[in-house]
Amino acid sequence: MTEPASVARLVVLVSGSGSNLQALLDATADPGYGARVVAVGADRDGIAGLDRAAAAGVPSFVERVKDHPTRADWDKALTDRVAEHRPDLVISAGFLKLVGPEFLAAFGDRYLNTHNTLLPAFPGIHGPRDALAYGVKLTGATLFFVDAGMDTGPIVAQVAVPVRDDDDEDTLTERIKSAERRQLVEQVGRLVREGWTITGRKVTIP
């Protein structure tokens, strides 16, 4: 069957297990979803995310920072590798490297990331731990377009997750991950089917 021209092309970047990638692979198996994963990129070898890509028959590539003389050289190499696949959206699905100016110049208005708190609260890599330490009663997950800051880009969507009295970092993180995956699949589908505009900090999906 020939796929319709309107199917959006997704490149997904991973650094680990690839559970968010798997959620997208499962969703895109439905022709009505409106997108397919055309490539998976990673910053390291030997990770489960690459195994998931192989199992799904999706091409993959690895660009390791240490294989390049400078971080800027790595950023250019990553940009070139992603550009080869002509993506409509690039999705950071647990990608643990900050991209640089060249990547953002090429994909900044279509590079999505998901964070495990309700931004702008608790940015960085220890969001659930920091939320627990602060004593908040409500946290969640944020989907946003990446800019040059640390978890500061325009927000696409947020989902709330209550903090239970008996939560520790692991239990809270797992509940956030479940909500995060559902939100990622739902909102990527909306973006590719309906389009979007970014005006200042405001993301609008018609």
N, C-alpha and C. Protein backbone atom coordinates (compact mmCIF):
# COMPACT_ATOMS: atom_id res chain seq x y z
N MET A 1 0.85 -1.19 0.00
CA MET A 1 0.00 0.00 0.00
C MET A 1 0.89 1.24 0.00
N THR A 2 0.60 2.19 -0.85
CA THR A 2 1.36 3.44 -0.91
C THR A 2 0.89 4.37 0.20
N GLU A 3 1.84 4.89 0.92
CA GLU A 3 1.47 5.77 2.03
C GLU A 3 1.10 7.15 1.47
N PRO A 4 0.08 7.79 2.03
CA PRO A 4 -0.32 9.10 1.54
C PRO A 4 0.77 10.14 1.72
N ALA A 5 0.80 11.11 0.82
CA ALA A 5 1.84 12.14 0.88
C ALA A 5 1.77 12.97 2.14
N SER A 6 0.61 12.96 2.80
CA SER A 6 0.42 13.81 3.97
C SER A 6 1.00 13.21 5.24
N VAL A 7 1.52 12.00 5.18
CA VAL A 7 2.08 11.38 6.38
C VAL A 7 3.35 12.10 6.79
N ALA A 8 3.38 12.58 8.04
CA ALA A 8 4.52 13.35 8.52
C ALA A 8 5.69 12.42 8.85
N ARG A 9 6.88 12.97 8.68
CA ARG A 9 8.12 12.22 8.92
C ARG A 9 8.70 12.60 10.28
N LEU A 10 8.90 11.60 11.13
CA LEU A 10 9.44 11.81 12.47
C LEU A 10 10.84 11.23 12.57
N VAL A 11 11.77 12.01 13.10
CA VAL A 11 13.07 11.49 13.53
C VAL A 11 13.09 11.56 15.05
N VAL A 12 13.38 10.42 15.69
CA VAL A 12 13.35 10.34 17.15
C VAL A 12 14.77 10.14 17.66
N LEU A 13 15.18 10.96 18.64
CA LEU A 13 16.51 10.88 19.23
C LEU A 13 16.43 10.24 20.61
N VAL A 14 17.31 9.27 20.89
CA VAL A 14 17.25 8.52 22.14
C VAL A 14 18.65 8.39 22.75
N SER A 15 18.67 8.15 24.06
CA SER A 15 19.92 7.86 24.76
C SER A 15 19.84 6.61 25.62
N GLY A 16 18.65 6.03 25.74
CA GLY A 16 18.48 4.92 26.68
C GLY A 16 17.51 3.87 26.22
N SER A 17 16.55 3.55 27.10
CA SER A 17 15.68 2.39 26.88
C SER A 17 14.70 2.59 25.73
N GLY A 18 14.33 3.84 25.46
CA GLY A 18 13.45 4.10 24.33
C GLY A 18 11.99 3.79 24.56
N SER A 19 11.51 3.93 25.81
CA SER A 19 10.09 3.65 26.06
C SER A 19 9.19 4.67 25.37
N ASN A 20 9.59 5.94 25.33
CA ASN A 20 8.81 6.93 24.59
C ASN A 20 8.87 6.65 23.08
N LEU A 21 10.03 6.23 22.59
CA LEU A 21 10.15 5.82 21.19
C LEU A 21 9.18 4.69 20.89
N GLN A 22 9.12 3.69 21.77
CA GLN A 22 8.22 2.55 21.52
C GLN A 22 6.78 3.00 21.46
N ALA A 23 6.41 3.94 22.32
CA ALA A 23 5.04 4.46 22.30
C ALA A 23 4.73 5.11 20.96
N LEU A 24 5.70 5.83 20.40
CA LEU A 24 5.51 6.46 19.09
C LEU A 24 5.48 5.42 17.98
N LEU A 25 6.35 4.40 18.06
CA LEU A 25 6.34 3.34 17.06
C LEU A 25 4.99 2.62 17.05
N ASP A 26 4.46 2.37 18.24
CA ASP A 26 3.16 1.70 18.33
C ASP A 26 2.05 2.57 17.74
N ALA A 27 2.09 3.86 18.06
CA ALA A 27 1.05 4.77 17.57
C ALA A 27 1.10 4.92 16.06
N THR A 28 2.31 5.03 15.51
CA THR A 28 2.44 5.27 14.07
C THR A 28 2.14 4.02 13.25
N ALA A 29 1.97 2.88 13.89
CA ALA A 29 1.55 1.68 13.15
C ALA A 29 0.12 1.83 12.63
N ASP A 30 -0.63 2.75 13.21
CA ASP A 30 -2.00 3.04 12.75
C ASP A 30 -1.92 4.08 11.63
N PRO A 31 -2.35 3.74 10.40
CA PRO A 31 -2.27 4.71 9.30
C PRO A 31 -3.01 6.01 9.59
N GLY A 32 -4.02 5.95 10.43
CA GLY A 32 -4.78 7.15 10.75
C GLY A 32 -4.06 8.12 11.65
N TYR A 33 -2.94 7.70 12.23
CA TYR A 33 -2.21 8.58 13.15
C TYR A 33 -1.62 9.78 12.42
N GLY A 34 -1.18 9.56 11.19
CA GLY A 34 -0.71 10.69 10.38
C GLY A 34 0.79 10.89 10.35
N ALA A 35 1.56 9.95 10.90
CA ALA A 35 3.02 10.10 10.93
C ALA A 35 3.67 8.73 10.93
N ARG A 36 4.94 8.72 10.57
CA ARG A 36 5.74 7.50 10.72
C ARG A 36 7.14 7.90 11.17
N VAL A 37 7.78 7.00 11.90
CA VAL A 37 9.16 7.21 12.34
C VAL A 37 10.07 6.78 11.21
N VAL A 38 10.81 7.75 10.63
CA VAL A 38 11.66 7.44 9.48
C VAL A 38 13.10 7.16 9.89
N ALA A 39 13.49 7.54 11.10
CA ALA A 39 14.85 7.27 11.58
C ALA A 39 14.91 7.48 13.08
N VAL A 40 15.85 6.76 13.70
CA VAL A 40 16.14 6.91 15.12
C VAL A 40 17.62 7.24 15.26
N GLY A 41 17.92 8.31 15.97
CA GLY A 41 19.30 8.70 16.21
C GLY A 41 19.66 8.56 17.67
N ALA A 42 20.94 8.29 17.95
CA ALA A 42 21.40 8.12 19.33
C ALA A 42 22.76 8.76 19.51
N ASP A 43 23.10 9.02 20.78
CA ASP A 43 24.41 9.58 21.09
C ASP A 43 25.33 8.52 21.70
N ARG A 44 24.90 7.27 21.68
CA ARG A 44 25.72 6.18 22.23
C ARG A 44 25.29 4.86 21.60
N ASP A 45 26.20 3.90 21.62
CA ASP A 45 25.92 2.57 21.09
C ASP A 45 25.32 1.67 22.17
N GLY A 46 24.78 0.55 21.74
CA GLY A 46 24.41 -0.51 22.66
C GLY A 46 23.25 -0.21 23.58
N ILE A 47 22.33 0.62 23.17
CA ILE A 47 21.18 0.96 24.02
C ILE A 47 19.92 0.30 23.48
N ALA A 48 18.96 0.10 24.38
CA ALA A 48 17.73 -0.58 24.00
C ALA A 48 16.93 0.20 22.97
N GLY A 49 17.05 1.52 22.99
CA GLY A 49 16.33 2.32 22.00
C GLY A 49 16.71 1.94 20.57
N LEU A 50 17.98 1.66 20.34
CA LEU A 50 18.42 1.23 19.00
C LEU A 50 17.89 -0.15 18.67
N ASP A 51 17.79 -1.02 19.68
CA ASP A 51 17.20 -2.34 19.46
C ASP A 51 15.73 -2.21 19.07
N ARG A 52 15.03 -1.30 19.69
CA ARG A 52 13.62 -1.09 19.35
C ARG A 52 13.48 -0.62 17.90
N ALA A 53 14.38 0.28 17.48
CA ALA A 53 14.34 0.74 16.09
C ALA A 53 14.58 -0.42 15.14
N ALA A 54 15.57 -1.25 15.44
CA ALA A 54 15.88 -2.39 14.58
C ALA A 54 14.69 -3.35 14.50
N ALA A 55 14.06 -3.60 15.64
CA ALA A 55 12.92 -4.52 15.66
C ALA A 55 11.76 -4.01 14.82
N ALA A 56 11.65 -2.68 14.75
CA ALA A 56 10.57 -2.07 13.96
C ALA A 56 10.96 -1.85 12.50
N GLY A 57 12.21 -2.19 12.17
CA GLY A 57 12.67 -1.98 10.79
C GLY A 57 12.93 -0.53 10.45
N VAL A 58 13.24 0.27 11.45
CA VAL A 58 13.48 1.70 11.24
C VAL A 58 14.99 1.95 11.20
N PRO A 59 15.49 2.67 10.19
CA PRO A 59 16.93 2.97 10.13
C PRO A 59 17.38 3.75 11.36
N SER A 60 18.62 3.54 11.77
CA SER A 60 19.14 4.27 12.92
C SER A 60 20.57 4.72 12.65
N PHE A 61 21.02 5.68 13.45
CA PHE A 61 22.39 6.17 13.35
C PHE A 61 22.86 6.59 14.73
N VAL A 62 24.18 6.61 14.93
CA VAL A 62 24.77 7.01 16.20
C VAL A 62 25.80 8.10 15.93
N GLU A 63 25.68 9.21 16.66
CA GLU A 63 26.68 10.28 16.63
C GLU A 63 27.14 10.52 18.06
N ARG A 64 28.34 10.05 18.38
CA ARG A 64 28.88 10.20 19.73
C ARG A 64 29.71 11.48 19.82
N VAL A 65 29.50 12.21 20.90
CA VAL A 65 30.23 13.47 21.08
C VAL A 65 31.74 13.22 21.04
N LYS A 66 32.19 12.14 21.66
CA LYS A 66 33.63 11.90 21.77
C LYS A 66 34.29 11.56 20.43
N ASP A 67 33.49 11.31 19.41
CA ASP A 67 34.05 11.02 18.09
C ASP A 67 34.33 12.29 17.28
N HIS A 68 34.08 13.46 17.87
CA HIS A 68 34.25 14.72 17.16
C HIS A 68 35.21 15.63 17.93
N PRO A 69 35.99 16.43 17.21
CA PRO A 69 36.99 17.29 17.87
C PRO A 69 36.38 18.29 18.85
N THR A 70 35.23 18.83 18.50
CA THR A 70 34.58 19.81 19.37
C THR A 70 33.09 19.53 19.44
N ARG A 71 32.45 20.14 20.44
CA ARG A 71 30.99 19.98 20.57
C ARG A 71 30.28 20.57 19.35
N ALA A 72 30.82 21.65 18.80
CA ALA A 72 30.22 22.26 17.60
C ALA A 72 30.30 21.32 16.41
N ASP A 73 31.41 20.57 16.29
CA ASP A 73 31.52 19.59 15.22
C ASP A 73 30.48 18.48 15.37
N TRP A 74 30.27 18.06 16.62
CA TRP A 74 29.23 17.05 16.87
C TRP A 74 27.85 17.60 16.51
N ASP A 75 27.61 18.82 16.90
CA ASP A 75 26.31 19.43 16.62
C ASP A 75 26.05 19.49 15.11
N LYS A 76 27.07 19.83 14.34
CA LYS A 76 26.92 19.87 12.89
C LYS A 76 26.68 18.48 12.32
N ALA A 77 27.42 17.50 12.84
CA ALA A 77 27.26 16.13 12.35
C ALA A 77 25.86 15.61 12.66
N LEU A 78 25.37 15.88 13.88
CA LEU A 78 24.02 15.46 14.24
C LEU A 78 22.99 16.15 13.36
N THR A 79 23.17 17.42 13.13
CA THR A 79 22.25 18.18 12.27
C THR A 79 22.20 17.57 10.88
N ASP A 80 23.36 17.26 10.33
CA ASP A 80 23.42 16.69 8.98
C ASP A 80 22.75 15.33 8.92
N ARG A 81 22.99 14.50 9.95
CA ARG A 81 22.40 13.16 9.95
C ARG A 81 20.88 13.23 10.03
N VAL A 82 20.38 14.10 10.88
CA VAL A 82 18.92 14.25 11.00
C VAL A 82 18.34 14.81 9.71
N ALA A 83 19.01 15.80 9.12
CA ALA A 83 18.51 16.45 7.91
C ALA A 83 18.39 15.48 6.74
N GLU A 84 19.24 14.47 6.71
CA GLU A 84 19.18 13.47 5.63
C GLU A 84 17.80 12.82 5.53
N HIS A 85 17.09 12.77 6.64
CA HIS A 85 15.80 12.07 6.68
C HIS A 85 14.61 13.01 6.49
N ARG A 86 14.87 14.29 6.24
CA ARG A 86 13.84 15.29 5.91
C ARG A 86 12.66 15.25 6.89
N PRO A 87 12.93 15.45 8.17
CA PRO A 87 11.85 15.32 9.15
C PRO A 87 10.91 16.51 9.17
N ASP A 88 9.65 16.22 9.45
CA ASP A 88 8.68 17.27 9.76
C ASP A 88 8.74 17.63 11.24
N LEU A 89 9.05 16.63 12.07
CA LEU A 89 9.26 16.84 13.50
C LEU A 89 10.46 16.01 13.95
N VAL A 90 11.26 16.58 14.83
CA VAL A 90 12.32 15.83 15.50
C VAL A 90 11.92 15.75 16.98
N ILE A 91 12.02 14.56 17.55
CA ILE A 91 11.52 14.36 18.90
C ILE A 91 12.63 13.81 19.79
N SER A 92 12.93 14.53 20.85
CA SER A 92 13.84 14.05 21.88
C SER A 92 13.07 13.12 22.80
N ALA A 93 13.37 11.83 22.72
CA ALA A 93 12.68 10.84 23.55
C ALA A 93 13.70 10.28 24.53
N GLY A 94 14.02 11.08 25.55
CA GLY A 94 15.06 10.68 26.47
C GLY A 94 16.46 10.87 25.90
N PHE A 95 16.63 11.87 25.05
CA PHE A 95 17.95 12.18 24.48
C PHE A 95 18.67 13.08 25.46
N LEU A 96 19.82 12.63 25.96
CA LEU A 96 20.46 13.28 27.10
C LEU A 96 21.54 14.27 26.73
N LYS A 97 21.55 14.74 25.50
CA LYS A 97 22.53 15.74 25.08
C LYS A 97 21.81 17.03 24.69
N LEU A 98 22.40 18.15 25.09
CA LEU A 98 21.88 19.44 24.66
C LEU A 98 22.41 19.72 23.25
N VAL A 99 21.51 20.00 22.32
CA VAL A 99 21.95 20.33 20.97
C VAL A 99 22.44 21.77 20.95
N GLY A 100 23.16 22.11 19.86
CA GLY A 100 23.76 23.42 19.76
C GLY A 100 23.08 24.33 18.76
N PRO A 101 23.71 25.47 18.47
CA PRO A 101 23.10 26.50 17.62
C PRO A 101 22.77 26.02 16.21
N GLU A 102 23.63 25.20 15.62
CA GLU A 102 23.37 24.76 14.25
C GLU A 102 22.12 23.87 14.18
N PHE A 103 22.00 22.96 15.15
CA PHE A 103 20.83 22.10 15.19
C PHE A 103 19.56 22.92 15.39
N LEU A 104 19.61 23.87 16.32
CA LEU A 104 18.43 24.70 16.58
C LEU A 104 18.08 25.58 15.40
N ALA A 105 19.09 26.04 14.67
CA ALA A 105 18.81 26.85 13.48
C ALA A 105 18.07 26.03 12.43
N ALA A 106 18.39 24.74 12.36
CA ALA A 106 17.75 23.88 11.37
C ALA A 106 16.39 23.38 11.82
N PHE A 107 16.25 23.06 13.11
CA PHE A 107 15.06 22.34 13.57
C PHE A 107 14.37 22.97 14.78
N GLY A 108 14.77 24.17 15.19
CA GLY A 108 14.29 24.72 16.45
C GLY A 108 12.79 24.90 16.55
N ASP A 109 12.12 25.14 15.43
CA ASP A 109 10.67 25.33 15.49
C ASP A 109 9.92 24.02 15.28
N ARG A 110 10.66 22.90 15.26
CA ARG A 110 10.03 21.59 15.12
C ARG A 110 10.79 20.50 15.86
N TYR A 111 11.52 20.91 16.91
CA TYR A 111 12.25 19.97 17.76
C TYR A 111 11.55 19.91 19.11
N LEU A 112 10.92 18.78 19.40
CA LEU A 112 10.12 18.60 20.61
C LEU A 112 10.91 17.87 21.68
N ASN A 113 10.67 18.26 22.92
CA ASN A 113 11.22 17.52 24.05
C ASN A 113 10.13 17.39 25.11
N THR A 114 10.27 16.39 25.95
CA THR A 114 9.33 16.20 27.04
C THR A 114 10.10 16.21 28.35
N HIS A 115 9.52 16.86 29.36
CA HIS A 115 10.19 17.00 30.65
C HIS A 115 9.25 16.52 31.75
N ASN A 116 9.83 15.92 32.80
CA ASN A 116 9.03 15.25 33.81
C ASN A 116 8.66 16.11 35.01
N THR A 117 8.35 17.38 34.74
CA THR A 117 7.68 18.24 35.72
C THR A 117 6.79 19.22 34.96
N LEU A 118 6.07 20.03 35.70
CA LEU A 118 5.27 21.09 35.11
C LEU A 118 6.14 22.34 35.01
N LEU A 119 6.81 22.49 33.88
CA LEU A 119 7.67 23.65 33.69
C LEU A 119 6.85 24.94 33.78
N PRO A 120 7.46 26.05 34.24
CA PRO A 120 8.89 26.26 34.47
C PRO A 120 9.41 25.75 35.82
N ALA A 121 8.59 25.05 36.59
CA ALA A 121 9.07 24.52 37.87
C ALA A 121 10.00 23.33 37.64
N PHE A 122 11.10 23.30 38.35
CA PHE A 122 12.00 22.15 38.43
C PHE A 122 12.55 21.69 37.08
N PRO A 123 13.25 22.57 36.37
CA PRO A 123 13.93 22.15 35.15
C PRO A 123 15.15 21.29 35.51
N GLY A 124 15.79 20.73 34.47
CA GLY A 124 16.99 19.94 34.70
C GLY A 124 16.70 18.46 34.83
N ILE A 125 17.75 17.70 35.17
CA ILE A 125 17.65 16.25 35.07
C ILE A 125 17.06 15.56 36.30
N HIS A 126 16.79 16.31 37.38
CA HIS A 126 16.27 15.69 38.60
C HIS A 126 14.90 16.25 38.95
N GLY A 127 14.04 16.43 37.96
CA GLY A 127 12.75 17.07 38.19
C GLY A 127 11.90 16.43 39.27
N PRO A 128 11.58 15.13 39.19
CA PRO A 128 10.74 14.52 40.23
C PRO A 128 11.37 14.58 41.62
N ARG A 129 12.68 14.38 41.72
CA ARG A 129 13.36 14.48 43.01
C ARG A 129 13.21 15.88 43.58
N ASP A 130 13.42 16.89 42.73
CA ASP A 130 13.33 18.27 43.19
C ASP A 130 11.90 18.63 43.59
N ALA A 131 10.92 18.10 42.84
CA ALA A 131 9.52 18.36 43.18
C ALA A 131 9.16 17.76 44.54
N LEU A 132 9.62 16.54 44.78
CA LEU A 132 9.37 15.91 46.08
C LEU A 132 10.02 16.70 47.21
N ALA A 133 11.27 17.11 46.98
CA ALA A 133 11.99 17.83 48.03
C ALA A 133 11.32 19.15 48.36
N TYR A 134 10.69 19.76 47.36
CA TYR A 134 10.03 21.05 47.59
C TYR A 134 8.69 20.87 48.29
N GLY A 135 8.12 19.67 48.18
CA GLY A 135 6.85 19.40 48.85
C GLY A 135 5.62 19.76 48.05
N VAL A 136 5.75 19.85 46.72
CA VAL A 136 4.57 20.19 45.92
C VAL A 136 3.55 19.06 45.98
N LYS A 137 2.30 19.40 45.78
CA LYS A 137 1.21 18.42 45.79
C LYS A 137 0.84 17.97 44.38
N LEU A 138 1.33 18.70 43.39
CA LEU A 138 0.99 18.41 42.00
C LEU A 138 2.22 18.65 41.15
N THR A 139 2.55 17.66 40.33
CA THR A 139 3.61 17.84 39.34
C THR A 139 3.09 17.24 38.04
N GLY A 140 3.97 16.79 37.14
CA GLY A 140 3.46 16.25 35.89
C GLY A 140 4.51 16.21 34.81
N ALA A 141 4.07 16.40 33.58
CA ALA A 141 4.97 16.35 32.43
C ALA A 141 4.63 17.48 31.47
N THR A 142 5.67 17.99 30.81
CA THR A 142 5.54 19.12 29.90
C THR A 142 6.14 18.75 28.55
N LEU A 143 5.40 19.00 27.49
CA LEU A 143 5.90 18.84 26.12
C LEU A 143 6.15 20.23 25.56
N PHE A 144 7.35 20.44 25.01
CA PHE A 144 7.69 21.80 24.58
C PHE A 144 8.63 21.77 23.38
N PHE A 145 8.66 22.88 22.65
CA PHE A 145 9.63 23.05 21.57
C PHE A 145 10.93 23.56 22.18
N VAL A 146 12.03 22.96 21.79
CA VAL A 146 13.33 23.25 22.40
C VAL A 146 13.87 24.58 21.89
N ASP A 147 14.40 25.38 22.83
CA ASP A 147 15.16 26.57 22.46
C ASP A 147 16.55 26.45 23.06
N ALA A 148 17.30 27.55 23.11
CA ALA A 148 18.69 27.48 23.55
C ALA A 148 18.84 27.37 25.07
N GLY A 149 17.76 27.49 25.81
CA GLY A 149 17.84 27.42 27.26
C GLY A 149 17.68 26.00 27.78
N MET A 150 17.68 25.87 29.10
CA MET A 150 17.49 24.58 29.77
C MET A 150 16.02 24.40 30.10
N ASP A 151 15.31 23.64 29.27
CA ASP A 151 13.89 23.37 29.48
C ASP A 151 13.06 24.66 29.51
N THR A 152 13.38 25.58 28.60
CA THR A 152 12.73 26.89 28.62
C THR A 152 11.88 27.19 27.38
N GLY A 153 11.75 26.26 26.44
CA GLY A 153 11.09 26.55 25.17
C GLY A 153 9.58 26.67 25.29
N PRO A 154 8.93 27.12 24.21
CA PRO A 154 7.48 27.29 24.20
C PRO A 154 6.74 25.97 24.47
N ILE A 155 5.76 26.03 25.35
CA ILE A 155 5.07 24.82 25.82
C ILE A 155 3.92 24.45 24.88
N VAL A 156 3.90 23.17 24.50
CA VAL A 156 2.82 22.62 23.66
C VAL A 156 1.68 22.13 24.53
N ALA A 157 2.01 21.36 25.58
CA ALA A 157 0.97 20.76 26.42
C ALA A 157 1.57 20.36 27.76
N GLN A 158 0.69 20.23 28.76
CA GLN A 158 1.10 19.76 30.07
C GLN A 158 0.04 18.83 30.63
N VAL A 159 0.48 17.86 31.42
CA VAL A 159 -0.44 16.94 32.08
C VAL A 159 -0.05 16.87 33.55
N ALA A 160 -1.04 16.94 34.42
CA ALA A 160 -0.79 16.97 35.86
C ALA A 160 -0.77 15.56 36.44
N VAL A 161 0.12 15.36 37.42
CA VAL A 161 0.21 14.10 38.16
C VAL A 161 0.25 14.45 39.65
N PRO A 162 -0.75 14.02 40.43
CA PRO A 162 -0.74 14.31 41.86
C PRO A 162 0.43 13.61 42.56
N VAL A 163 0.97 14.26 43.57
CA VAL A 163 2.02 13.67 44.40
C VAL A 163 1.34 13.03 45.62
N ARG A 164 1.60 11.74 45.81
CA ARG A 164 1.00 11.02 46.94
C ARG A 164 1.90 11.15 48.17
N ASP A 165 1.28 11.01 49.34
CA ASP A 165 2.04 11.15 50.58
C ASP A 165 3.14 10.11 50.71
N ASP A 166 2.92 8.92 50.13
CA ASP A 166 3.90 7.85 50.26
C ASP A 166 4.84 7.75 49.05
N ASP A 167 4.82 8.74 48.16
CA ASP A 167 5.68 8.68 46.98
C ASP A 167 7.15 8.81 47.37
N ASP A 168 7.99 8.06 46.67
CA ASP A 168 9.41 8.35 46.63
C ASP A 168 9.76 8.71 45.19
N GLU A 169 11.03 8.96 44.94
CA GLU A 169 11.41 9.42 43.60
C GLU A 169 11.04 8.40 42.53
N ASP A 170 11.22 7.12 42.83
CA ASP A 170 10.96 6.08 41.84
C ASP A 170 9.47 5.96 41.52
N THR A 171 8.62 5.92 42.54
CA THR A 171 7.19 5.75 42.28
C THR A 171 6.62 6.96 41.56
N LEU A 172 7.04 8.15 41.96
CA LEU A 172 6.55 9.35 41.30
C LEU A 172 7.03 9.40 39.85
N THR A 173 8.30 9.08 39.63
CA THR A 173 8.85 9.10 38.28
C THR A 173 8.09 8.15 37.36
N GLU A 174 7.76 6.96 37.85
CA GLU A 174 7.05 5.98 37.01
C GLU A 174 5.66 6.47 36.64
N ARG A 175 4.94 7.09 37.57
CA ARG A 175 3.61 7.60 37.24
C ARG A 175 3.69 8.76 36.26
N ILE A 176 4.72 9.60 36.43
CA ILE A 176 4.90 10.69 35.48
C ILE A 176 5.22 10.13 34.09
N LYS A 177 6.07 9.11 34.02
CA LYS A 177 6.43 8.53 32.73
C LYS A 177 5.21 8.03 31.98
N SER A 178 4.29 7.39 32.69
CA SER A 178 3.08 6.88 32.04
C SER A 178 2.25 8.02 31.45
N ALA A 179 2.08 9.08 32.23
CA ALA A 179 1.34 10.25 31.74
C ALA A 179 2.08 10.93 30.60
N GLU A 180 3.40 10.97 30.71
CA GLU A 180 4.25 11.62 29.72
C GLU A 180 4.13 10.92 28.36
N ARG A 181 4.15 9.57 28.37
CA ARG A 181 4.04 8.82 27.11
C ARG A 181 2.70 9.06 26.45
N ARG A 182 1.63 9.03 27.24
CA ARG A 182 0.29 9.27 26.67
C ARG A 182 0.21 10.66 26.06
N GLN A 183 0.72 11.64 26.78
CA GLN A 183 0.69 13.02 26.27
C GLN A 183 1.51 13.15 24.99
N LEU A 184 2.70 12.56 24.97
CA LEU A 184 3.56 12.64 23.79
C LEU A 184 2.86 12.10 22.57
N VAL A 185 2.28 10.92 22.69
CA VAL A 185 1.60 10.30 21.55
C VAL A 185 0.41 11.14 21.10
N GLU A 186 -0.39 11.58 22.05
CA GLU A 186 -1.57 12.37 21.71
C GLU A 186 -1.20 13.68 21.02
N GLN A 187 -0.23 14.39 21.58
CA GLN A 187 0.09 15.73 21.06
C GLN A 187 0.89 15.68 19.77
N VAL A 188 1.79 14.73 19.61
CA VAL A 188 2.48 14.60 18.32
C VAL A 188 1.46 14.31 17.22
N GLY A 189 0.49 13.46 17.51
CA GLY A 189 -0.57 13.20 16.55
C GLY A 189 -1.34 14.46 16.18
N ARG A 190 -1.67 15.26 17.18
CA ARG A 190 -2.38 16.51 16.91
C ARG A 190 -1.53 17.45 16.06
N LEU A 191 -0.26 17.58 16.40
CA LEU A 191 0.62 18.49 15.66
C LEU A 191 0.73 18.10 14.19
N VAL A 192 0.93 16.81 13.93
CA VAL A 192 1.14 16.40 12.54
C VAL A 192 -0.16 16.44 11.74
N ARG A 193 -1.27 16.21 12.39
CA ARG A 193 -2.55 16.20 11.66
C ARG A 193 -3.12 17.60 11.47
N GLU A 194 -2.88 18.49 12.44
CA GLU A 194 -3.55 19.79 12.44
C GLU A 194 -2.61 20.97 12.21
N GLY A 195 -1.29 20.76 12.39
CA GLY A 195 -0.34 21.85 12.23
C GLY A 195 -0.25 22.69 13.50
N TRP A 196 0.66 23.65 13.49
CA TRP A 196 0.87 24.49 14.67
C TRP A 196 1.53 25.81 14.27
N THR A 197 1.38 26.79 15.12
CA THR A 197 2.09 28.05 14.97
C THR A 197 2.71 28.38 16.33
N ILE A 198 3.88 29.05 16.28
CA ILE A 198 4.56 29.51 17.49
C ILE A 198 4.67 31.02 17.39
N THR A 199 4.02 31.70 18.34
CA THR A 199 4.07 33.16 18.39
C THR A 199 4.59 33.57 19.75
N GLY A 200 5.85 34.03 19.77
CA GLY A 200 6.48 34.30 21.06
C GLY A 200 6.59 33.00 21.84
N ARG A 201 5.98 32.95 23.01
CA ARG A 201 6.00 31.73 23.83
C ARG A 201 4.74 30.90 23.64
N LYS A 202 3.84 31.33 22.79
CA LYS A 202 2.55 30.65 22.68
C LYS A 202 2.52 29.71 21.49
N VAL A 203 2.22 28.43 21.76
CA VAL A 203 2.05 27.44 20.70
C VAL A 203 0.55 27.23 20.50
N THR A 204 0.12 27.37 19.24
CA THR A 204 -1.29 27.21 18.91
C THR A 204 -1.45 26.07 17.93
N ILE A 205 -2.34 25.14 18.25
CA ILE A 205 -2.73 24.07 17.34
C ILE A 205 -4.15 24.39 16.90
N PRO A 206 -4.37 24.60 15.61
CA PRO A 206 -5.71 25.03 15.15
C PRO A 206 -6.83 24.10 15.60
